[in-house]
C-alpha atoms as a PDB file:
ATOM      1  CA  MET A   1      13.553  -5.009   6.771  1.00  0.00           C
ATOM      2  CA  LYS A   2      12.187  -1.737   6.280  1.00  0.00           C
ATOM      3  CA  PHE A   3       9.436  -0.312   8.034  1.00  0.00           C
ATOM      4  CA  SER A   4       6.715   2.833   7.306  1.00  0.00           C
ATOM      5  CA  ILE A   5       3.856   4.209   8.373  1.00  0.00           C
ATOM      6  CA  CYS A   6       1.099   6.111   6.865  1.00  0.00           C
ATOM      7  CA  ASN A   7       0.670   9.743   7.353  1.00  0.00           C
ATOM      8  CA  GLU A   8      -2.806  10.156   7.619  1.00  0.00           C
ATOM      9  CA  ILE A   9      -2.693   8.452  10.851  1.00  0.00           C
ATOM     10  CA  PHE A  10      -1.358  11.875  12.271  1.00  0.00           C
ATOM     11  CA  ARG A  11      -4.574  14.132  11.062  1.00  0.00           C
ATOM     12  CA  ASP A  12      -3.567  17.646  10.695  1.00  0.00           C
ATOM     13  CA  TRP A  13      -0.170  17.562  11.590  1.00  0.00           C
ATOM     14  CA  ASP A  14       2.292  19.313   8.675  1.00  0.00           C
ATOM     15  CA  LEU A  15       4.676  17.045   7.091  1.00  0.00           C
ATOM     16  CA  LYS A  16       7.899  18.429   8.424  1.00  0.00           C
ATOM     17  CA  ARG A  17       6.400  17.061  11.978  1.00  0.00           C
ATOM     18  CA  ILE A  18       5.179  13.745  11.114  1.00  0.00           C
ATOM     19  CA  PHE A  19       8.716  13.314   9.162  1.00  0.00           C
ATOM     20  CA  GLN A  20      10.372  14.244  12.520  1.00  0.00           C
ATOM     21  CA  THR A  21       7.870  12.401  14.507  1.00  0.00           C
ATOM     22  CA  ALA A  22       8.307   9.435  12.423  1.00  0.00           C
ATOM     23  CA  ARG A  23      12.092   9.005  12.674  1.00  0.00           C
ATOM     24  CA  ARG A  24      12.271  10.017  16.153  1.00  0.00           C
ATOM     25  CA  ILE A  25      10.192   6.770  17.130  1.00  0.00           C
ATOM     26  CA  GLY A  26      12.241   4.562  14.659  1.00  0.00           C
ATOM     27  CA  TYR A  27      10.279   4.451  11.147  1.00  0.00           C
ATOM     28  CA  ASP A  28      12.523   4.662   7.879  1.00  0.00           C
ATOM     29  CA  ALA A  29       9.710   5.501   5.671  1.00  0.00           C
ATOM     30  CA  VAL A  30       6.450   7.221   5.506  1.00  0.00           C
ATOM     31  CA  GLU A  31       3.446   6.278   3.204  1.00  0.00           C
ATOM     32  CA  ILE A  32       1.638   9.602   1.947  1.00  0.00           C
ATOM     33  CA  ALA A  33      -2.487   9.412   0.946  1.00  0.00           C
ATOM     34  CA  PRO A  34      -2.411  12.318  -1.784  1.00  0.00           C
ATOM     35  CA  PHE A  35      -5.901  13.512  -0.650  1.00  0.00           C
ATOM     36  CA  THR A  36      -4.284  14.789   2.836  1.00  0.00           C
ATOM     37  CA  LEU A  37      -2.052  17.215   0.692  1.00  0.00           C
ATOM     38  CA  ALA A  38      -4.594  18.942  -2.086  1.00  0.00           C
ATOM     39  CA  ASP A  39      -7.667  17.626  -3.671  1.00  0.00           C
ATOM     40  CA  SER A  40      -5.902  15.979  -6.911  1.00  0.00           C
ATOM     41  CA  VAL A  41      -2.497  15.402  -7.133  1.00  0.00           C
ATOM     42  CA  VAL A  42      -2.495  17.927 -10.687  1.00  0.00           C
ATOM     43  CA  GLU A  43      -2.462  20.785  -7.999  1.00  0.00           C
ATOM     44  CA  ILE A  44       0.845  20.029  -6.167  1.00  0.00           C
ATOM     45  CA  SER A  45       3.467  21.731  -8.155  1.00  0.00           C
ATOM     46  CA  GLU A  46       6.638  20.564  -9.285  1.00  0.00           C
ATOM     47  CA  ARG A  47       8.627  22.705  -6.368  1.00  0.00           C
ATOM     48  CA  GLU A  48       6.370  21.264  -3.820  1.00  0.00           C
ATOM     49  CA  ARG A  49       6.751  18.311  -5.280  1.00  0.00           C
ATOM     50  CA  ALA A  50      10.655  18.917  -4.753  1.00  0.00           C
ATOM     51  CA  ARG A  51      10.444  20.512  -1.539  1.00  0.00           C
ATOM     52  CA  ILE A  52       8.241  17.114  -0.253  1.00  0.00           C
ATOM     53  CA  LYS A  53      10.617  15.091  -1.619  1.00  0.00           C
ATOM     54  CA  SER A  54      13.823  17.333  -0.245  1.00  0.00           C
ATOM     55  CA  LEU A  55      12.181  17.622   3.433  1.00  0.00           C
ATOM     56  CA  ALA A  56      11.702  13.905   3.782  1.00  0.00           C
ATOM     57  CA  ALA A  57      15.417  13.472   2.850  1.00  0.00           C
ATOM     58  CA  ALA A  58      16.345  16.302   5.540  1.00  0.00           C
ATOM     59  CA  GLU A  59      14.475  14.794   8.306  1.00  0.00           C
ATOM     60  CA  GLY A  60      16.136  11.257   7.505  1.00  0.00           C
ATOM     61  CA  VAL A  61      13.057   9.405   6.196  1.00  0.00           C
ATOM     62  CA  GLU A  62      11.818   7.895   3.003  1.00  0.00           C
ATOM     63  CA  LEU A  63       8.590   7.884   1.109  1.00  0.00           C
ATOM     64  CA  SER A  64       7.697   4.710   0.419  1.00  0.00           C
ATOM     65  CA  ALA A  65       4.383   4.890  -1.193  1.00  0.00           C
ATOM     66  CA  ILE A  66       1.054   6.632  -1.862  1.00  0.00           C
ATOM     67  CA  HIS A  67      -2.506   5.327  -1.201  1.00  0.00           C
ATOM     68  CA  TRP A  68      -6.023   6.158  -0.734  1.00  0.00           C
ATOM     69  CA  VAL A  69      -5.458   7.615  -4.453  1.00  0.00           C
ATOM     70  CA  LEU A  70      -8.839   7.928  -5.486  1.00  0.00           C
ATOM     71  CA  VAL A  71     -10.425   9.370  -2.233  1.00  0.00           C
ATOM     72  CA  LYS A  72     -10.553  12.532  -4.449  1.00  0.00           C
ATOM     73  CA  PRO A  73     -11.283  14.316  -6.750  1.00  0.00           C
ATOM     74  CA  ASP A  74     -14.598  13.162  -7.304  1.00  0.00           C
ATOM     75  CA  GLY A  75     -16.115  11.687 -10.163  1.00  0.00           C
ATOM     76  CA  LEU A  76     -13.481   8.250 -10.706  1.00  0.00           C
ATOM     77  CA  TYR A  77     -13.983   5.099 -10.942  1.00  0.00           C
ATOM     78  CA  ILE A  78     -11.952   2.303 -12.459  1.00  0.00           C
ATOM     79  CA  ASN A  79     -14.589  -0.066 -13.932  1.00  0.00           C
ATOM     80  CA  HIS A  80     -17.489   2.834 -14.356  1.00  0.00           C
ATOM     81  CA  PRO A  81     -20.038   1.951 -17.302  1.00  0.00           C
ATOM     82  CA  ASP A  82     -19.354   5.138 -18.469  1.00  0.00           C
ATOM     83  CA  GLU A  83     -16.315   5.527 -21.082  1.00  0.00           C
ATOM     84  CA  ALA A  84     -15.706   9.470 -20.351  1.00  0.00           C
ATOM     85  CA  VAL A  85     -15.400   8.371 -16.418  1.00  0.00           C
ATOM     86  CA  ARG A  86     -12.984   5.720 -17.433  1.00  0.00           C
ATOM     87  CA  GLN A  87     -10.762   7.836 -19.156  1.00  0.00           C
ATOM     88  CA  LYS A  88     -10.890  10.596 -16.720  1.00  0.00           C
ATOM     89  CA  THR A  89      -9.751   7.777 -14.144  1.00  0.00           C
ATOM     90  CA  SER A  90      -7.052   6.507 -16.461  1.00  0.00           C
ATOM     91  CA  ASP A  91      -5.210  10.036 -16.941  1.00  0.00           C
ATOM     92  CA  TYR A  92      -5.546  10.581 -13.493  1.00  0.00           C
ATOM     93  CA  PHE A  93      -3.844   7.157 -12.928  1.00  0.00           C
ATOM     94  CA  VAL A  94      -0.789   8.518 -15.050  1.00  0.00           C
ATOM     95  CA  GLU A  95      -1.018  11.936 -12.814  1.00  0.00           C
ATOM     96  CA  LEU A  96      -0.658   9.807  -9.371  1.00  0.00           C
ATOM     97  CA  VAL A  97       2.220   7.736 -11.146  1.00  0.00           C
ATOM     98  CA  ASP A  98       4.345  11.059 -11.996  1.00  0.00           C
ATOM     99  CA  PHE A  99       3.612  12.678  -8.562  1.00  0.00           C
ATOM    100  CA  CYS A 100       4.680   9.243  -6.927  1.00  0.00           C
ATOM    101  CA  ALA A 101       8.138   9.127  -8.725  1.00  0.00           C
ATOM    102  CA  ASP A 102       8.370  12.973  -8.007  1.00  0.00           C
ATOM    103  CA  ILE A 103       8.505  12.690  -4.466  1.00  0.00           C
ATOM    104  CA  GLY A 104      10.551   9.876  -4.658  1.00  0.00           C
ATOM    105  CA  ALA A 105       8.063   7.380  -3.454  1.00  0.00           C
ATOM    106  CA  ARG A 106       8.515   3.637  -5.199  1.00  0.00           C
ATOM    107  CA  SER A 107       4.572   2.198  -5.475  1.00  0.00           C
ATOM    108  CA  VAL A 108       1.221   3.481  -5.935  1.00  0.00           C
ATOM    109  CA  VAL A 109      -1.414   1.473  -4.010  1.00  0.00           C
ATOM    110  CA  VAL A 110      -4.629   1.070  -5.469  1.00  0.00           C
ATOM    111  CA  GLY A 111      -7.186   0.274  -2.914  1.00  0.00           C
ATOM    112  CA  SER A 112     -10.052   2.629  -3.431  1.00  0.00           C
ATOM    113  CA  PRO A 113     -13.005   0.225  -2.825  1.00  0.00           C
ATOM    114  CA  LYS A 114     -15.986   2.642  -3.488  1.00  0.00           C
ATOM    115  CA  GLN A 115     -14.493   3.490  -6.820  1.00  0.00           C
ATOM    116  CA  ARG A 116     -14.122  -0.163  -8.306  1.00  0.00           C
ATOM    117  CA  CYS A 117     -17.317  -1.834  -7.174  1.00  0.00           C
ATOM    118  CA  VAL A 118     -18.857  -3.424  -9.989  1.00  0.00           C
ATOM    119  CA  LYS A 119     -22.520  -2.202 -10.670  1.00  0.00           C
ATOM    120  CA  GLU A 120     -25.404  -4.042 -10.776  1.00  0.00           C
ATOM    121  CA  GLU A 121     -25.654  -3.391 -14.492  1.00  0.00           C
ATOM    122  CA  VAL A 122     -22.489  -4.275 -15.259  1.00  0.00           C
ATOM    123  CA  THR A 123     -21.183  -7.775 -15.663  1.00  0.00           C
ATOM    124  CA  PHE A 124     -17.772  -8.941 -14.245  1.00  0.00           C
ATOM    125  CA  GLU A 125     -16.559  -9.229 -17.718  1.00  0.00           C
ATOM    126  CA  ASN A 126     -17.238  -5.964 -18.989  1.00  0.00           C
ATOM    127  CA  ALA A 127     -15.788  -4.511 -15.642  1.00  0.00           C
ATOM    128  CA  ARG A 128     -12.584  -6.529 -15.535  1.00  0.00           C
ATOM    129  CA  ALA A 129     -11.784  -5.736 -19.262  1.00  0.00           C
ATOM    130  CA  TRP A 130     -12.588  -1.868 -18.212  1.00  0.00           C
ATOM    131  CA  ALA A 131     -10.623  -1.480 -15.346  1.00  0.00           C
ATOM    132  CA  LEU A 132      -7.636  -3.198 -17.399  1.00  0.00           C
ATOM    133  CA  GLU A 133      -7.824  -0.543 -19.596  1.00  0.00           C
ATOM    134  CA  THR A 134      -7.636   1.901 -17.002  1.00  0.00           C
ATOM    135  CA  PHE A 135      -4.880   0.850 -16.082  1.00  0.00           C
ATOM    136  CA  SER A 136      -2.946   0.406 -19.291  1.00  0.00           C
ATOM    137  CA  ALA A 137      -1.387   4.150 -19.721  1.00  0.00           C
ATOM    138  CA  ALA A 138      -0.692   4.103 -16.345  1.00  0.00           C
ATOM    139  CA  VAL A 139       1.600   0.744 -15.923  1.00  0.00           C
ATOM    140  CA  LYS A 140       3.205   2.191 -19.127  1.00  0.00           C
ATOM    141  CA  ARG A 141       4.193   5.073 -17.489  1.00  0.00           C
ATOM    142  CA  ALA A 142       5.044   3.239 -14.135  1.00  0.00           C
ATOM    143  CA  GLU A 143       7.873   1.202 -16.382  1.00  0.00           C
ATOM    144  CA  GLU A 144       9.193   4.612 -17.567  1.00  0.00           C
ATOM    145  CA  ARG A 145       9.242   6.323 -13.805  1.00  0.00           C
ATOM    146  CA  LYS A 146      10.467   3.108 -12.203  1.00  0.00           C
ATOM    147  CA  VAL A 147       7.446   2.794  -9.828  1.00  0.00           C
ATOM    148  CA  SER A 148       4.985   0.210  -9.316  1.00  0.00           C
ATOM    149  CA  LEU A 149       1.204   0.266  -9.309  1.00  0.00           C
ATOM    150  CA  CYS A 150       0.112  -2.026  -6.799  1.00  0.00           C
ATOM    151  CA  MET A 151      -3.202  -3.697  -6.776  1.00  0.00           C
ATOM    152  CA  GLU A 152      -4.762  -4.399  -3.536  1.00  0.00           C
ATOM    153  CA  PRO A 153      -7.037  -7.714  -2.984  1.00  0.00           C
ATOM    154  CA  LEU A 154      -9.916  -6.321  -0.429  1.00  0.00           C
ATOM    155  CA  GLY A 155     -12.544  -8.197   1.686  1.00  0.00           C
ATOM    156  CA  ALA A 156     -16.062  -8.925  -0.007  1.00  0.00           C
ATOM    157  CA  ALA A 157     -17.417  -6.577   3.187  1.00  0.00           C
ATOM    158  CA  GLU A 158     -15.365  -3.532   0.789  1.00  0.00           C
ATOM    159  CA  THR A 159     -15.954  -4.699  -2.367  1.00  0.00           C
ATOM    160  CA  ASN A 160     -16.851  -7.018  -4.681  1.00  0.00           C
ATOM    161  CA  PHE A 161     -14.029  -6.729  -7.323  1.00  0.00           C
ATOM    162  CA  ILE A 162     -10.716  -8.298  -7.046  1.00  0.00           C
ATOM    163  CA  ASN A 163     -10.998  -9.869  -2.840  1.00  0.00           C
ATOM    164  CA  THR A 164      -8.001 -12.553  -3.112  1.00  0.00           C
ATOM    165  CA  ALA A 165      -4.288 -11.971  -3.664  1.00  0.00           C
ATOM    166  CA  GLN A 166      -4.883 -15.054  -6.152  1.00  0.00           C
ATOM    167  CA  GLU A 167      -7.240 -12.834  -8.328  1.00  0.00           C
ATOM    168  CA  ALA A 168      -5.240  -9.921  -7.837  1.00  0.00           C
ATOM    169  CA  ILE A 169      -1.934 -11.582  -9.518  1.00  0.00           C
ATOM    170  CA  ALA A 170      -4.423 -13.178 -12.024  1.00  0.00           C
ATOM    171  CA  PHE A 171      -5.555  -9.396 -13.148  1.00  0.00           C
ATOM    172  CA  THR A 172      -2.365  -8.024 -13.301  1.00  0.00           C
ATOM    173  CA  GLN A 173      -0.551 -10.434 -15.106  1.00  0.00           C
ATOM    174  CA  GLU A 174      -3.122  -9.458 -17.737  1.00  0.00           C
ATOM    175  CA  LEU A 175      -1.416  -6.618 -18.513  1.00  0.00           C
ATOM    176  CA  ALA A 176       2.511  -8.263 -18.126  1.00  0.00           C
ATOM    177  CA  SER A 177       4.297  -5.562 -16.828  1.00  0.00           C
ATOM    178  CA  PRO A 178       7.491  -5.472 -13.868  1.00  0.00           C
ATOM    179  CA  ALA A 179       5.461  -2.295 -12.926  1.00  0.00           C
ATOM    180  CA  PHE A 180       1.947  -3.720 -12.482  1.00  0.00           C
ATOM    181  CA  LYS A 181       2.270  -5.912  -8.872  1.00  0.00           C
ATOM    182  CA  ILE A 182      -0.059  -6.521  -5.667  1.00  0.00           C
ATOM    183  CA  ILE A 183       0.281  -5.188  -2.094  1.00  0.00           C
ATOM    184  CA  LEU A 184      -0.895  -7.678   0.412  1.00  0.00           C
ATOM    185  CA  ASP A 185      -2.334  -6.090   3.262  1.00  0.00           C
ATOM    186  CA  VAL A 186      -2.997  -7.757   6.954  1.00  0.00           C
ATOM    187  CA  LYS A 187      -6.399  -6.924   7.697  1.00  0.00           C
ATOM    188  CA  ALA A 188      -7.543  -7.872   3.456  1.00  0.00           C
ATOM    189  CA  MET A 189      -5.649 -11.321   3.693  1.00  0.00           C
ATOM    190  CA  SER A 190      -7.312 -12.151   7.517  1.00  0.00           C
ATOM    191  CA  SER A 191     -10.907 -11.951   5.051  1.00  0.00           C
ATOM    192  CA  GLU A 192      -9.572 -14.990   2.937  1.00  0.00           C
ATOM    193  CA  GLY A 193     -10.137 -17.687   5.937  1.00  0.00           C
ATOM    194  CA  ARG A 194      -6.776 -19.077   5.031  1.00  0.00           C
ATOM    195  CA  PRO A 195      -3.086 -18.974   6.926  1.00  0.00           C
ATOM    196  CA  LEU A 196      -1.664 -15.074   6.522  1.00  0.00           C
ATOM    197  CA  PRO A 197       1.923 -17.119   5.676  1.00  0.00           C
ATOM    198  CA  GLU A 198       0.150 -19.344   3.523  1.00  0.00           C
ATOM    199  CA  ILE A 199      -0.801 -16.515   1.132  1.00  0.00           C
ATOM    200  CA  ILE A 200       2.123 -14.592   1.414  1.00  0.00           C
ATOM    201  CA  TYR A 201       3.867 -18.007  -0.263  1.00  0.00           C
ATOM    202  CA  GLU A 202       1.729 -18.185  -2.725  1.00  0.00           C
ATOM    203  CA  SER A 203       2.082 -14.660  -3.724  1.00  0.00           C
ATOM    204  CA  ARG A 204       6.254 -14.937  -4.259  1.00  0.00           C
ATOM    205  CA  GLY A 205       7.071 -12.687  -6.416  1.00  0.00           C
ATOM    206  CA  HIS A 206       4.155 -10.729  -7.346  1.00  0.00           C
ATOM    207  CA  PHE A 207       3.951  -8.063  -4.041  1.00  0.00           C
ATOM    208  CA  THR A 208       6.387  -5.245  -3.731  1.00  0.00           C
ATOM    209  CA  HIS A 209       3.865  -3.316  -0.676  1.00  0.00           C
ATOM    210  CA  PHE A 210       2.886  -4.499   2.295  1.00  0.00           C
ATOM    211  CA  HIS A 211       0.662  -3.139   4.912  1.00  0.00           C
ATOM    212  CA  ALA A 212       0.767  -4.079   8.337  1.00  0.00           C
ATOM    213  CA  ASN A 213      -2.624  -3.684  10.312  1.00  0.00           C
ATOM    214  CA  ASP A 214      -4.908  -6.250  12.591  1.00  0.00           C
ATOM    215  CA  PRO A 215      -8.786  -7.192  11.579  1.00  0.00           C
ATOM    216  CA  ASN A 216     -10.276  -4.723  14.588  1.00  0.00           C
ATOM    217  CA  LEU A 217      -8.964  -2.263  11.640  1.00  0.00           C
ATOM    218  CA  LYS A 218      -6.331  -1.232  14.398  1.00  0.00           C
ATOM    219  CA  GLY A 219      -2.010  -0.913  14.257  1.00  0.00           C
ATOM    220  CA  PRO A 220      -0.099  -3.971  14.938  1.00  0.00           C
ATOM    221  CA  GLY A 221      -0.247  -4.436  19.286  1.00  0.00           C
ATOM    222  CA  PHE A 222      -3.963  -3.433  19.067  1.00  0.00           C
ATOM    223  CA  GLY A 223      -5.413  -6.628  18.301  1.00  0.00           C
ATOM    224  CA  ASP A 224      -4.680 -10.926  18.329  1.00  0.00           C
ATOM    225  CA  THR A 225      -2.605 -10.646  15.196  1.00  0.00           C
ATOM    226  CA  ASP A 226       0.654 -12.504  15.901  1.00  0.00           C
ATOM    227  CA  PHE A 227       3.551 -10.819  13.299  1.00  0.00           C
ATOM    228  CA  VAL A 228       6.333 -13.610  13.850  1.00  0.00           C
ATOM    229  CA  PRO A 229       4.925 -15.947  10.960  1.00  0.00           C
ATOM    230  CA  ILE A 230       3.817 -13.481   8.764  1.00  0.00           C
ATOM    231  CA  LEU A 231       7.572 -11.337   9.316  1.00  0.00           C
ATOM    232  CA  ARG A 232       9.010 -15.142   8.762  1.00  0.00           C
ATOM    233  CA  ALA A 233       6.971 -15.709   5.596  1.00  0.00           C
ATOM    234  CA  LEU A 234       7.901 -12.228   4.398  1.00  0.00           C
ATOM    235  CA  LYS A 235      11.745 -12.842   5.278  1.00  0.00           C
ATOM    236  CA  GLU A 236      11.817 -16.812   3.407  1.00  0.00           C
ATOM    237  CA  VAL A 237      10.445 -15.250   0.310  1.00  0.00           C
ATOM    238  CA  GLY A 238      12.871 -12.708  -0.016  1.00  0.00           C
ATOM    239  CA  TYR A 239      10.844  -9.841   0.349  1.00  0.00           C
ATOM    240  CA  ASP A 240      12.801  -6.687   0.620  1.00  0.00           C
ATOM    241  CA  GLY A 241      10.027  -3.444   0.510  1.00  0.00           C
ATOM    242  CA  TYR A 242       8.494  -2.207   3.265  1.00  0.00           C
ATOM    243  CA  VAL A 243       6.294  -2.961   6.107  1.00  0.00           C
ATOM    244  CA  SER A 244       3.804  -0.101   6.108  1.00  0.00           C
ATOM    245  CA  VAL A 245       1.540   0.374   8.714  1.00  0.00           C
ATOM    246  CA  GLU A 246      -1.960   1.533   8.035  1.00  0.00           C
ATOM    247  CA  VAL A 247      -5.026   1.682  10.388  1.00  0.00           C
ATOM    248  CA  PHE A 248      -8.453   2.868  10.066  1.00  0.00           C
ATOM    249  CA  LYS A 249      -9.164   3.875  13.887  1.00  0.00           C
ATOM    250  CA  PHE A 250      -7.309   6.634  15.428  1.00  0.00           C
ATOM    251  CA  ASP A 251      -8.793   6.201  19.000  1.00  0.00           C
ATOM    252  CA  GLU A 252      -5.539   5.854  20.586  1.00  0.00           C
ATOM    253  CA  GLY A 253      -4.015   8.991  19.227  1.00  0.00           C
ATOM    254  CA  PRO A 254      -1.013   9.126  16.431  1.00  0.00           C
ATOM    255  CA  GLU A 255       2.070   8.844  18.842  1.00  0.00           C
ATOM    256  CA  LEU A 256       0.595   5.437  20.482  1.00  0.00           C
ATOM    257  CA  ILE A 257      -0.330   4.210  17.549  1.00  0.00           C
ATOM    258  CA  ALA A 258       3.087   4.753  15.619  1.00  0.00           C
ATOM    259  CA  SER A 259       4.928   3.287  18.725  1.00  0.00           C
ATOM    260  CA  ARG A 260       3.034   0.724  20.085  1.00  0.00           C
ATOM    261  CA  SER A 261       2.658  -0.497  15.949  1.00  0.00           C
ATOM    262  CA  LEU A 262       6.507  -0.105  15.886  1.00  0.00           C
ATOM    263  CA  GLU A 263       7.478  -2.080  18.950  1.00  0.00           C
ATOM    264  CA  THR A 264       5.614  -4.626  17.988  1.00  0.00           C
ATOM    265  CA  LEU A 265       6.840  -5.501  14.731  1.00  0.00           C
ATOM    266  CA  GLN A 266      10.408  -4.590  15.843  1.00  0.00           C
ATOM    267  CA  ALA A 267       9.769  -7.462  18.512  1.00  0.00           C
ATOM    268  CA  ALA A 268       8.301 -10.186  16.101  1.00  0.00           C
ATOM    269  CA  TRP A 269      11.598  -9.005  13.616  1.00  0.00           C
ATOM    270  CA  ARG A 270      13.529  -9.586  16.477  1.00  0.00           C
ATOM    271  CA  GLN A 271      11.967 -12.865  17.112  1.00  0.00           C
ATOM    272  CA  VAL A 272      12.628 -14.168  13.289  1.00  0.00           C
ATOM    273  CA  GLN A 273      16.228 -13.076  13.290  1.00  0.00           C
ATOM    274  CA  SER A 274      16.887 -14.965  16.448  1.00  0.00           C
ATOM    275  CA  GLU A 275      15.323 -18.078  15.024  1.00  0.00           C
ATOM    276  CA  THR A 276      17.684 -17.814  11.481  1.00  0.00           C
ATOM    277  CA  GLU A 277      20.909 -17.537  13.957  1.00  0.00           C
ATOM    278  CA  ARG A 278      19.293 -20.476  15.978  1.00  0.00           C
ATOM    279  CA  ASP A 279      18.681 -22.519  13.019  1.00  0.00           C
ATOM    280  CA  GLY A 280      22.308 -21.916  11.485  1.00  0.00           C
ATOM    281  CA  GLU A 281      23.981 -22.582  14.444  1.00  0.00           C
ATOM    282  CA  ALA A 282      22.284 -25.828  14.911  1.00  0.00           C
ATOM    283  CA  ASN A 283      23.301 -26.767  10.957  1.00  0.00           C
ATOM    284  CA  GLU A 284      27.110 -25.963  11.661  1.00  0.00           C
END
């Protein structure tokens, strides 16, 4: 199991310090929010992208994904009734795929709830069709660049468009591409009101990234979420991607958030491995 952490937790730290700290604490990878680097990925030169990739490698961490991808620039919207807005968003998703691949990351996480809510004057049928059109070109580019676009189901308190894992799976399957998958997120899954392992089992083969957090918007170990059954389910479905710490409340400071979150996940993973070893011995 590989563990990653999102860079916005570290606020205004430079990337070298973030990579060094993540590696020292014990993370395998860092996940990048592009808005922390520039107002648009178009502004990030080829030279800078190469520098980011080589800097991560030099500090001993991988780059797992990019997320919060529509925070900037302004004016982007996945299913907006204005065709020009949708085309601008579609073009930007292609740019995001290229940026993700250029820095050596594997997934583009599509959360951005405020840029996908179905507007009052729009039917859900139109919103769905428009959103698929918006993603079409980027999905093709993702196939070429060997990265995944991951649609993130989010709770109804955040958006009214794609709230469950099953809805996200059905949506991505419309384009029938190995590059168009979903991401599972502990906070978001918790809004479904079902056992989280059940959602993981049902999503087998459809998710290529995973966010670890707590419904209280903090990291693992800062709430009541038991990560043992979650990691057990990930193991049982054969998930081999990253488990990436993403939080929304930073009260405890970056280093405590990072260290306690990883300690919690590693302890849970050790218990899962121990259970597997005991089961193996019992079957001998």
